[in-house]
Amino acid sequence: MDELSIIQGKIYEIRGYRVMLDFDLAGIYHVETRALNQAVNRNIKRFPYDFMFQLTKDEWQILKSQIVISSWGGTRKLPFAFTELGATMLSSVLRSNIAI
């Protein structure tokens, strides 16, 4: 499976937006999810609703039933979903070599 196919498999449609989740983007940008979310929170004005939103409990339960999530670990907070604009904006607030 090539890199493009892997990325395409991590795109979901939620609330009418095509989005990627914070932990998947953290993997792509080679940073911890915690670091990604901290960078977003430090620059929250750069991420309006059409760039990023947090999933509801119901949305997360539905999505978890569609994708394989480890039963022994995983996220403790509801993940953030980033639209294409939000995923692009991440590259300006993250400090990884991949983001740059």
PDB file of N, CA and C in Angstrom:
ATOM      1  N   MET A   1       0.842  -1.178   0.000  1.00  0.00           N
ATOM      2  CA  MET A   1       0.000   0.000   0.000  1.00  0.00           C
ATOM      3  C   MET A   1       0.889   1.243   0.000  1.00  0.00           C
ATOM      4  N   ASP A   2       0.658   2.146  -0.924  1.00  0.00           N
ATOM      5  CA  ASP A   2       1.491   3.351  -0.991  1.00  0.00           C
ATOM      6  C   ASP A   2       1.001   4.413  -0.001  1.00  0.00           C
ATOM      7  N   GLU A   3       1.840   5.415   0.201  1.00  0.00           N
ATOM      8  CA  GLU A   3       1.565   6.453   1.200  1.00  0.00           C
ATOM      9  C   GLU A   3       0.260   7.196   0.920  1.00  0.00           C
ATOM     10  N   LEU A   4      -0.020   7.477  -0.344  1.00  0.00           N
ATOM     11  CA  LEU A   4      -1.251   8.180  -0.710  1.00  0.00           C
ATOM     12  C   LEU A   4      -2.479   7.364  -0.327  1.00  0.00           C
ATOM     13  N   SER A   5      -2.443   6.068  -0.575  1.00  0.00           N
ATOM     14  CA  SER A   5      -3.571   5.203  -0.214  1.00  0.00           C
ATOM     15  C   SER A   5      -3.773   5.163   1.294  1.00  0.00           C
ATOM     16  N   ILE A   6      -2.673   5.155   2.031  1.00  0.00           N
ATOM     17  CA  ILE A   6      -2.760   5.150   3.497  1.00  0.00           C
ATOM     18  C   ILE A   6      -3.431   6.436   3.975  1.00  0.00           C
ATOM     19  N   ILE A   7      -3.009   7.566   3.429  1.00  0.00           N
ATOM     20  CA  ILE A   7      -3.591   8.852   3.822  1.00  0.00           C
ATOM     21  C   ILE A   7      -5.068   8.903   3.438  1.00  0.00           C
ATOM     22  N   GLN A   8      -5.403   8.463   2.239  1.00  0.00           N
ATOM     23  CA  GLN A   8      -6.798   8.479   1.802  1.00  0.00           C
ATOM     24  C   GLN A   8      -7.677   7.621   2.705  1.00  0.00           C
ATOM     25  N   GLY A   9      -7.113   6.566   3.271  1.00  0.00           N
ATOM     26  CA  GLY A   9      -7.860   5.700   4.177  1.00  0.00           C
ATOM     27  C   GLY A   9      -8.112   6.336   5.534  1.00  0.00           C
ATOM     28  N   LYS A  10      -7.485   7.459   5.805  1.00  0.00           N
ATOM     29  CA  LYS A  10      -7.653   8.151   7.080  1.00  0.00           C
ATOM     30  C   LYS A  10      -8.519   9.404   6.942  1.00  0.00           C
ATOM     31  N   ILE A  11      -9.169   9.549   5.814  1.00  0.00           N
ATOM     32  CA  ILE A  11     -10.069  10.682   5.590  1.00  0.00           C
ATOM     33  C   ILE A  11     -11.493  10.199   5.792  1.00  0.00           C
ATOM     34  N   TYR A  12     -12.228  10.918   6.631  1.00  0.00           N
ATOM     35  CA  TYR A  12     -13.602  10.551   6.970  1.00  0.00           C
ATOM     36  C   TYR A  12     -14.524  11.721   6.652  1.00  0.00           C
ATOM     37  N   GLU A  13     -15.799  11.420   6.436  1.00  0.00           N
ATOM     38  CA  GLU A  13     -16.768  12.492   6.246  1.00  0.00           C
ATOM     39  C   GLU A  13     -17.574  12.627   7.523  1.00  0.00           C
ATOM     40  N   ILE A  14     -17.472  13.807   8.144  1.00  0.00           N
ATOM     41  CA  ILE A  14     -18.173  14.105   9.391  1.00  0.00           C
ATOM     42  C   ILE A  14     -18.761  15.501   9.263  1.00  0.00           C
ATOM     43  N   ARG A  15     -20.037  15.639   9.588  1.00  0.00           N
ATOM     44  CA  ARG A  15     -20.747  16.939   9.514  1.00  0.00           C
ATOM     45  C   ARG A  15     -20.655  17.564   8.128  1.00  0.00           C
ATOM     46  N   GLY A  16     -20.558  16.741   7.119  1.00  0.00           N
ATOM     47  CA  GLY A  16     -20.495  17.244   5.756  1.00  0.00           C
ATOM     48  C   GLY A  16     -19.108  17.687   5.321  1.00  0.00           C
ATOM     49  N   TYR A  17     -18.116  17.522   6.185  1.00  0.00           N
ATOM     50  CA  TYR A  17     -16.729  17.875   5.867  1.00  0.00           C
ATOM     51  C   TYR A  17     -15.906  16.601   5.687  1.00  0.00           C
ATOM     52  N   ARG A  18     -14.950  16.643   4.780  1.00  0.00           N
ATOM     53  CA  ARG A  18     -13.951  15.583   4.681  1.00  0.00           C
ATOM     54  C   ARG A  18     -12.832  15.972   5.637  1.00  0.00           C
ATOM     55  N   VAL A  19     -12.566  15.115   6.628  1.00  0.00           N
ATOM     56  CA  VAL A  19     -11.643  15.470   7.704  1.00  0.00           C
ATOM     57  C   VAL A  19     -10.647  14.357   7.985  1.00  0.00           C
ATOM     58  N   MET A  20      -9.579  14.751   8.672  1.00  0.00           N
ATOM     59  CA  MET A  20      -8.631  13.802   9.253  1.00  0.00           C
ATOM     60  C   MET A  20      -8.580  14.086  10.743  1.00  0.00           C
ATOM     61  N   LEU A  21      -8.345  13.041  11.533  1.00  0.00           N
ATOM     62  CA  LEU A  21      -8.338  13.177  12.979  1.00  0.00           C
ATOM     63  C   LEU A  21      -6.960  13.570  13.491  1.00  0.00           C
ATOM     64  N   ASP A  22      -6.959  14.203  14.662  1.00  0.00           N
ATOM     65  CA  ASP A  22      -5.716  14.732  15.226  1.00  0.00           C
ATOM     66  C   ASP A  22      -4.624  13.679  15.344  1.00  0.00           C
ATOM     67  N   PHE A  23      -4.958  12.468  15.799  1.00  0.00           N
ATOM     68  CA  PHE A  23      -3.915  11.453  15.988  1.00  0.00           C
ATOM     69  C   PHE A  23      -3.351  10.948  14.670  1.00  0.00           C
ATOM     70  N   ASP A  24      -4.161  10.925  13.617  1.00  0.00           N
ATOM     71  CA  ASP A  24      -3.652  10.537  12.300  1.00  0.00           C
ATOM     72  C   ASP A  24      -2.733  11.618  11.739  1.00  0.00           C
ATOM     73  N   LEU A  25      -3.129  12.878  11.887  1.00  0.00           N
ATOM     74  CA  LEU A  25      -2.276  13.976  11.414  1.00  0.00           C
ATOM     75  C   LEU A  25      -0.985  14.059  12.212  1.00  0.00           C
ATOM     76  N   ALA A  26      -1.063  13.775  13.501  1.00  0.00           N
ATOM     77  CA  ALA A  26       0.157  13.765  14.321  1.00  0.00           C
ATOM     78  C   ALA A  26       1.139  12.737  13.768  1.00  0.00           C
ATOM     79  N   GLY A  27       0.644  11.582  13.375  1.00  0.00           N
ATOM     80  CA  GLY A  27       1.502  10.561  12.785  1.00  0.00           C
ATOM     81  C   GLY A  27       2.123  11.010  11.478  1.00  0.00           C
ATOM     82  N   ILE A  28       1.346  11.660  10.656  1.00  0.00           N
ATOM     83  CA  ILE A  28       1.849  12.146   9.371  1.00  0.00           C
ATOM     84  C   ILE A  28       2.922  13.218   9.576  1.00  0.00           C
ATOM     85  N   TYR A  29       2.687  14.121  10.535  1.00  0.00           N
ATOM     86  CA  TYR A  29       3.629  15.199  10.802  1.00  0.00           C
ATOM     87  C   TYR A  29       4.755  14.801  11.764  1.00  0.00           C
ATOM     88  N   HIS A  30       4.758  13.555  12.218  1.00  0.00           N
ATOM     89  CA  HIS A  30       5.798  13.014  13.106  1.00  0.00           C
ATOM     90  C   HIS A  30       5.904  13.784  14.417  1.00  0.00           C
ATOM     91  N   VAL A  31       4.757  14.053  15.033  1.00  0.00           N
ATOM     92  CA  VAL A  31       4.706  14.675  16.355  1.00  0.00           C
ATOM     93  C   VAL A  31       3.724  13.879  17.212  1.00  0.00           C
ATOM     94  N   GLU A  32       3.795  14.053  18.521  1.00  0.00           N
ATOM     95  CA  GLU A  32       2.818  13.415  19.398  1.00  0.00           C
ATOM     96  C   GLU A  32       1.492  14.152  19.268  1.00  0.00           C
ATOM     97  N   THR A  33       0.393  13.421  19.450  1.00  0.00           N
ATOM     98  CA  THR A  33      -0.933  14.040  19.382  1.00  0.00           C
ATOM     99  C   THR A  33      -1.038  15.176  20.389  1.00  0.00           C
ATOM    100  N   ARG A  34      -0.495  14.959  21.568  1.00  0.00           N
ATOM    101  CA  ARG A  34      -0.505  15.979  22.621  1.00  0.00           C
ATOM    102  C   ARG A  34       0.183  17.255  22.127  1.00  0.00           C
ATOM    103  N   ALA A  35       1.323  17.129  21.464  1.00  0.00           N
ATOM    104  CA  ALA A  35       2.062  18.291  20.953  1.00  0.00           C
ATOM    105  C   ALA A  35       1.273  18.996  19.851  1.00  0.00           C
ATOM    106  N   LEU A  36       0.631  18.225  18.989  1.00  0.00           N
ATOM    107  CA  LEU A  36      -0.185  18.800  17.925  1.00  0.00           C
ATOM    108  C   LEU A  36      -1.314  19.631  18.530  1.00  0.00           C
ATOM    109  N   ASN A  37      -2.024  19.054  19.505  1.00  0.00           N
ATOM    110  CA  ASN A  37      -3.147  19.764  20.115  1.00  0.00           C
ATOM    111  C   ASN A  37      -2.690  20.980  20.910  1.00  0.00           C
ATOM    112  N   GLN A  38      -1.518  20.913  21.537  1.00  0.00           N
ATOM    113  CA  GLN A  38      -0.987  22.080  22.243  1.00  0.00           C
ATOM    114  C   GLN A  38      -0.681  23.204  21.258  1.00  0.00           C
ATOM    115  N   ALA A  39      -0.090  22.863  20.117  1.00  0.00           N
ATOM    116  CA  ALA A  39       0.213  23.869  19.097  1.00  0.00           C
ATOM    117  C   ALA A  39      -1.067  24.517  18.582  1.00  0.00           C
ATOM    118  N   VAL A  40      -2.102  23.715  18.400  1.00  0.00           N
ATOM    119  CA  VAL A  40      -3.393  24.248  17.950  1.00  0.00           C
ATOM    120  C   VAL A  40      -3.962  25.190  19.009  1.00  0.00           C
ATOM    121  N   ASN A  41      -3.941  24.765  20.263  1.00  0.00           N
ATOM    122  CA  ASN A  41      -4.491  25.608  21.331  1.00  0.00           C
ATOM    123  C   ASN A  41      -3.734  26.919  21.482  1.00  0.00           C
ATOM    124  N   ARG A  42      -2.419  26.897  21.246  1.00  0.00           N
ATOM    125  CA  ARG A  42      -1.631  28.132  21.300  1.00  0.00           C
ATOM    126  C   ARG A  42      -1.968  29.077  20.143  1.00  0.00           C
ATOM    127  N   ASN A  43      -2.512  28.506  19.075  1.00  0.00           N
ATOM    128  CA  ASN A  43      -2.813  29.283  17.867  1.00  0.00           C
ATOM    129  C   ASN A  43      -4.286  29.130  17.472  1.00  0.00           C
ATOM    130  N   ILE A  44      -5.158  29.069  18.448  1.00  0.00           N
ATOM    131  CA  ILE A  44      -6.556  28.705  18.205  1.00  0.00           C
ATOM    132  C   ILE A  44      -7.262  29.645  17.229  1.00  0.00           C
ATOM    133  N   LYS A  45      -6.855  30.901  17.149  1.00  0.00           N
ATOM    134  CA  LYS A  45      -7.496  31.840  16.217  1.00  0.00           C
ATOM    135  C   LYS A  45      -7.256  31.461  14.758  1.00  0.00           C
ATOM    136  N   ARG A  46      -6.252  30.642  14.511  1.00  0.00           N
ATOM    137  CA  ARG A  46      -5.968  30.193  13.139  1.00  0.00           C
ATOM    138  C   ARG A  46      -6.839  29.000  12.723  1.00  0.00           C
ATOM    139  N   PHE A  47      -7.663  28.505  13.654  1.00  0.00           N
ATOM    140  CA  PHE A  47      -8.447  27.297  13.402  1.00  0.00           C
ATOM    141  C   PHE A  47      -9.934  27.520  13.652  1.00  0.00           C
ATOM    142  N   PRO A  48     -10.596  28.286  12.776  1.00  0.00           N
ATOM    143  CA  PRO A  48     -12.045  28.460  12.918  1.00  0.00           C
ATOM    144  C   PRO A  48     -12.772  27.145  12.632  1.00  0.00           C
ATOM    145  N   TYR A  49     -14.087  27.142  12.827  1.00  0.00           N
ATOM    146  CA  TYR A  49     -14.882  25.920  12.703  1.00  0.00           C
ATOM    147  C   TYR A  49     -14.686  25.212  11.356  1.00  0.00           C
ATOM    148  N   ASP A  50     -14.544  25.944  10.272  1.00  0.00           N
ATOM    149  CA  ASP A  50     -14.391  25.281   8.974  1.00  0.00           C
ATOM    150  C   ASP A  50     -12.977  24.733   8.760  1.00  0.00           C
ATOM    151  N   PHE A  51     -12.090  24.920   9.745  1.00  0.00           N
ATOM    152  CA  PHE A  51     -10.749  24.332   9.725  1.00  0.00           C
ATOM    153  C   PHE A  51     -10.662  23.138  10.674  1.00  0.00           C
ATOM    154  N   MET A  52     -11.379  23.218  11.821  1.00  0.00           N
ATOM    155  CA  MET A  52     -11.236  22.201  12.866  1.00  0.00           C
ATOM    156  C   MET A  52     -12.441  22.237  13.801  1.00  0.00           C
ATOM    157  N   PHE A  53     -12.840  21.060  14.280  1.00  0.00           N
ATOM    158  CA  PHE A  53     -13.854  20.967  15.321  1.00  0.00           C
ATOM    159  C   PHE A  53     -13.620  19.689  16.110  1.00  0.00           C
ATOM    160  N   GLN A  54     -14.161  19.645  17.328  1.00  0.00           N
ATOM    161  CA  GLN A  54     -14.007  18.461  18.170  1.00  0.00           C
ATOM    162  C   GLN A  54     -15.215  17.552  17.969  1.00  0.00           C
ATOM    163  N   LEU A  55     -14.945  16.257  17.869  1.00  0.00           N
ATOM    164  CA  LEU A  55     -16.031  15.301  17.706  1.00  0.00           C
ATOM    165  C   LEU A  55     -16.881  15.228  18.963  1.00  0.00           C
ATOM    166  N   THR A  56     -18.167  14.925  18.797  1.00  0.00           N
ATOM    167  CA  THR A  56     -19.035  14.652  19.932  1.00  0.00           C
ATOM    168  C   THR A  56     -18.839  13.200  20.348  1.00  0.00           C
ATOM    169  N   LYS A  57     -19.347  12.841  21.514  1.00  0.00           N
ATOM    170  CA  LYS A  57     -19.254  11.445  21.967  1.00  0.00           C
ATOM    171  C   LYS A  57     -19.931  10.507  20.973  1.00  0.00           C
ATOM    172  N   ASP A  58     -21.095  10.891  20.474  1.00  0.00           N
ATOM    173  CA  ASP A  58     -21.812  10.047  19.512  1.00  0.00           C
ATOM    174  C   ASP A  58     -21.031   9.887  18.211  1.00  0.00           C
ATOM    175  N   GLU A  59     -20.490  10.988  17.697  1.00  0.00           N
ATOM    176  CA  GLU A  59     -19.695  10.911  16.468  1.00  0.00           C
ATOM    177  C   GLU A  59     -18.493   9.997  16.665  1.00  0.00           C
ATOM    178  N   TRP A  60     -17.829  10.094  17.821  1.00  0.00           N
ATOM    179  CA  TRP A  60     -16.651   9.292  18.098  1.00  0.00           C
ATOM    180  C   TRP A  60     -17.024   7.813  18.213  1.00  0.00           C
ATOM    181  N   GLN A  61     -18.146   7.504  18.851  1.00  0.00           N
ATOM    182  CA  GLN A  61     -18.578   6.108  18.970  1.00  0.00           C
ATOM    183  C   GLN A  61     -18.876   5.508  17.596  1.00  0.00           C
ATOM    184  N   ILE A  62     -19.550   6.262  16.753  1.00  0.00           N
ATOM    185  CA  ILE A  62     -19.858   5.786  15.399  1.00  0.00           C
ATOM    186  C   ILE A  62     -18.577   5.560  14.610  1.00  0.00           C
ATOM    187  N   LEU A  63     -17.662   6.518  14.693  1.00  0.00           N
ATOM    188  CA  LEU A  63     -16.405   6.411  13.948  1.00  0.00           C
ATOM    189  C   LEU A  63     -15.558   5.246  14.461  1.00  0.00           C
ATOM    190  N   LYS A  64     -15.513   5.071  15.784  1.00  0.00           N
ATOM    191  CA  LYS A  64     -14.725   3.960  16.346  1.00  0.00           C
ATOM    192  C   LYS A  64     -15.252   2.615  15.872  1.00  0.00           C
ATOM    193  N   SER A  65     -16.551   2.512  15.638  1.00  0.00           N
ATOM    194  CA  SER A  65     -17.106   1.249  15.166  1.00  0.00           C
ATOM    195  C   SER A  65     -16.716   0.977  13.712  1.00  0.00           C
ATOM    196  N   GLN A  66     -16.308   2.029  12.986  1.00  0.00           N
ATOM    197  CA  GLN A  66     -15.928   1.890  11.578  1.00  0.00           C
ATOM    198  C   GLN A  66     -14.437   1.672  11.377  1.00  0.00           C
ATOM    199  N   ILE A  67     -13.623   2.093  12.362  1.00  0.00           N
ATOM    200  CA  ILE A  67     -12.174   1.960  12.229  1.00  0.00           C
ATOM    201  C   ILE A  67     -11.645   1.125  13.375  1.00  0.00           C
ATOM    202  N   VAL A  68     -10.460   0.602  13.208  1.00  0.00           N
ATOM    203  CA  VAL A  68      -9.856  -0.242  14.242  1.00  0.00           C
ATOM    204  C   VAL A  68      -9.127   0.654  15.238  1.00  0.00           C
ATOM    205  N   ILE A  69      -9.603   0.637  16.474  1.00  0.00           N
ATOM    206  CA  ILE A  69      -8.976   1.395  17.556  1.00  0.00           C
ATOM    207  C   ILE A  69      -8.585   0.400  18.628  1.00  0.00           C
ATOM    208  N   SER A  70      -7.373   0.500  19.111  1.00  0.00           N
ATOM    209  CA  SER A  70      -6.860  -0.392  20.141  1.00  0.00           C
ATOM    210  C   SER A  70      -7.743  -0.360  21.382  1.00  0.00           C
ATOM    211  N   SER A  71      -8.051  -1.529  21.937  1.00  0.00           N
ATOM    212  CA  SER A  71      -8.896  -1.597  23.131  1.00  0.00           C
ATOM    213  C   SER A  71      -8.096  -1.332  24.399  1.00  0.00           C
ATOM    214  N   TRP A  72      -6.767  -1.420  24.351  1.00  0.00           N
ATOM    215  CA  TRP A  72      -5.949  -1.248  25.552  1.00  0.00           C
ATOM    216  C   TRP A  72      -5.465   0.175  25.747  1.00  0.00           C
ATOM    217  N   GLY A  73      -5.597   0.987  24.755  1.00  0.00           N
ATOM    218  CA  GLY A  73      -5.101   2.365  24.865  1.00  0.00           C
ATOM    219  C   GLY A  73      -6.050   3.301  24.177  1.00  0.00           C
ATOM    220  N   GLY A  74      -5.497   4.152  23.369  1.00  0.00           N
ATOM    221  CA  GLY A  74      -6.329   5.064  22.605  1.00  0.00           C
ATOM    222  C   GLY A  74      -6.441   6.422  23.262  1.00  0.00           C
ATOM    223  N   THR A  75      -7.353   7.173  22.761  1.00  0.00           N
ATOM    224  CA  THR A  75      -7.508   8.556  23.183  1.00  0.00           C
ATOM    225  C   THR A  75      -8.323   8.675  24.467  1.00  0.00           C
ATOM    226  N   ARG A  76      -7.946   9.620  25.309  1.00  0.00           N
ATOM    227  CA  ARG A  76      -8.692   9.884  26.535  1.00  0.00           C
ATOM    228  C   ARG A  76      -9.647  11.047  26.353  1.00  0.00           C
ATOM    229  N   LYS A  77      -9.389  11.861  25.348  1.00  0.00           N
ATOM    230  CA  LYS A  77     -10.239  13.006  25.032  1.00  0.00           C
ATOM    231  C   LYS A  77     -10.864  12.761  23.673  1.00  0.00           C
ATOM    232  N   LEU A  78     -11.954  13.456  23.429  1.00  0.00           N
ATOM    233  CA  LEU A  78     -12.565  13.362  22.109  1.00  0.00           C
ATOM    234  C   LEU A  78     -11.617  13.989  21.095  1.00  0.00           C
ATOM    235  N   PRO A  79     -11.382  13.308  19.977  1.00  0.00           N
ATOM    236  CA  PRO A  79     -10.428  13.832  19.004  1.00  0.00           C
ATOM    237  C   PRO A  79     -10.942  15.074  18.279  1.00  0.00           C
ATOM    238  N   PHE A  80      -9.995  15.823  17.756  1.00  0.00           N
ATOM    239  CA  PHE A  80     -10.307  16.951  16.891  1.00  0.00           C
ATOM    240  C   PHE A  80     -10.275  16.460  15.451  1.00  0.00           C
ATOM    241  N   ALA A  81     -11.170  17.011  14.652  1.00  0.00           N
ATOM    242  CA  ALA A  81     -11.228  16.706  13.228  1.00  0.00           C
ATOM    243  C   ALA A  81     -10.777  17.946  12.463  1.00  0.00           C
ATOM    244  N   PHE A  82      -9.876  17.762  11.512  1.00  0.00           N
ATOM    245  CA  PHE A  82      -9.324  18.863  10.735  1.00  0.00           C
ATOM    246  C   PHE A  82      -9.746  18.731   9.280  1.00  0.00           C
ATOM    247  N   THR A  83     -10.287  19.804   8.733  1.00  0.00           N
ATOM    248  CA  THR A  83     -10.598  19.828   7.306  1.00  0.00           C
ATOM    249  C   THR A  83      -9.281  19.995   6.544  1.00  0.00           C
ATOM    250  N   GLU A  84      -9.357  20.000   5.235  1.00  0.00           N
ATOM    251  CA  GLU A  84      -8.144  20.179   4.432  1.00  0.00           C
ATOM    252  C   GLU A  84      -7.457  21.505   4.777  1.00  0.00           C
ATOM    253  N   LEU A  85      -8.258  22.556   4.963  1.00  0.00           N
ATOM    254  CA  LEU A  85      -7.675  23.852   5.332  1.00  0.00           C
ATOM    255  C   LEU A  85      -6.992  23.783   6.690  1.00  0.00           C
ATOM    256  N   GLY A  86      -7.598  23.082   7.632  1.00  0.00           N
ATOM    257  CA  GLY A  86      -7.011  22.943   8.958  1.00  0.00           C
ATOM    258  C   GLY A  86      -5.740  22.118   8.943  1.00  0.00           C
ATOM    259  N   ALA A  87      -5.742  21.035   8.162  1.00  0.00           N
ATOM    260  CA  ALA A  87      -4.550  20.192   8.057  1.00  0.00           C
ATOM    261  C   ALA A  87      -3.392  20.978   7.449  1.00  0.00           C
ATOM    262  N   THR A  88      -3.704  21.834   6.493  1.00  0.00           N
ATOM    263  CA  THR A  88      -2.678  22.680   5.887  1.00  0.00           C
ATOM    264  C   THR A  88      -2.181  23.723   6.882  1.00  0.00           C
ATOM    265  N   MET A  89      -3.093  24.303   7.646  1.00  0.00           N
ATOM    266  CA  MET A  89      -2.715  25.308   8.644  1.00  0.00           C
ATOM    267  C   MET A  89      -1.796  24.690   9.704  1.00  0.00           C
ATOM    268  N   LEU A  90      -1.957  23.413  10.000  1.00  0.00           N
ATOM    269  CA  LEU A  90      -1.090  22.759  10.981  1.00  0.00           C
ATOM    270  C   LEU A  90       0.384  22.907  10.626  1.00  0.00           C
ATOM    271  N   SER A  91       0.683  22.860   9.344  1.00  0.00           N
ATOM    272  CA  SER A  91       2.095  22.952   8.944  1.00  0.00           C
ATOM    273  C   SER A  91       2.716  24.281   9.351  1.00  0.00           C
ATOM    274  N   SER A  92       1.893  25.302   9.564  1.00  0.00           N
ATOM    275  CA  SER A  92       2.441  26.596   9.970  1.00  0.00           C
ATOM    276  C   SER A  92       2.591  26.728  11.483  1.00  0.00           C
ATOM    277  N   VAL A  93       1.991  25.831  12.259  1.00  0.00           N
ATOM    278  CA  VAL A  93       2.088  25.947  13.722  1.00  0.00           C
ATOM    279  C   VAL A  93       2.894  24.820  14.358  1.00  0.00           C
ATOM    280  N   LEU A  94       3.211  23.786  13.594  1.00  0.00           N
ATOM    281  CA  LEU A  94       4.008  22.678  14.124  1.00  0.00           C
ATOM    282  C   LEU A  94       5.484  22.916  13.843  1.00  0.00           C
ATOM    283  N   ARG A  95       6.333  22.292  14.665  1.00  0.00           N
ATOM    284  CA  ARG A  95       7.765  22.512  14.524  1.00  0.00           C
ATOM    285  C   ARG A  95       8.522  21.246  14.108  1.00  0.00           C
ATOM    286  N   SER A  96       7.850  20.352  13.426  1.00  0.00           N
ATOM    287  CA  SER A  96       8.552  19.152  12.968  1.00  0.00           C
ATOM    288  C   SER A  96       9.152  19.402  11.584  1.00  0.00           C
ATOM    289  N   ASN A  97      10.158  18.649  11.216  1.00  0.00           N
ATOM    290  CA  ASN A  97      10.766  18.800   9.885  1.00  0.00           C
ATOM    291  C   ASN A  97       9.759  18.510   8.789  1.00  0.00           C
ATOM    292  N   ILE A  98       8.894  17.545   9.009  1.00  0.00           N
ATOM    293  CA  ILE A  98       7.864  17.194   8.013  1.00  0.00           C
ATOM    294  C   ILE A  98       6.924  18.379   7.809  1.00  0.00           C
ATOM    295  N   ALA A  99       6.508  19.018   8.903  1.00  0.00           N
ATOM    296  CA  ALA A  99       5.587  20.163   8.802  1.00  0.00           C
ATOM    297  C   ALA A  99       6.227  21.327   8.055  1.00  0.00           C
ATOM    298  N   ILE A 100       7.506  21.535   8.317  1.00  0.00           N
ATOM    299  CA  ILE A 100       8.212  22.644   7.657  1.00  0.00           C
ATOM    300  C   ILE A 100       8.360  22.345   6.183  1.00  0.00           C
TER     301      ILE A 100
END
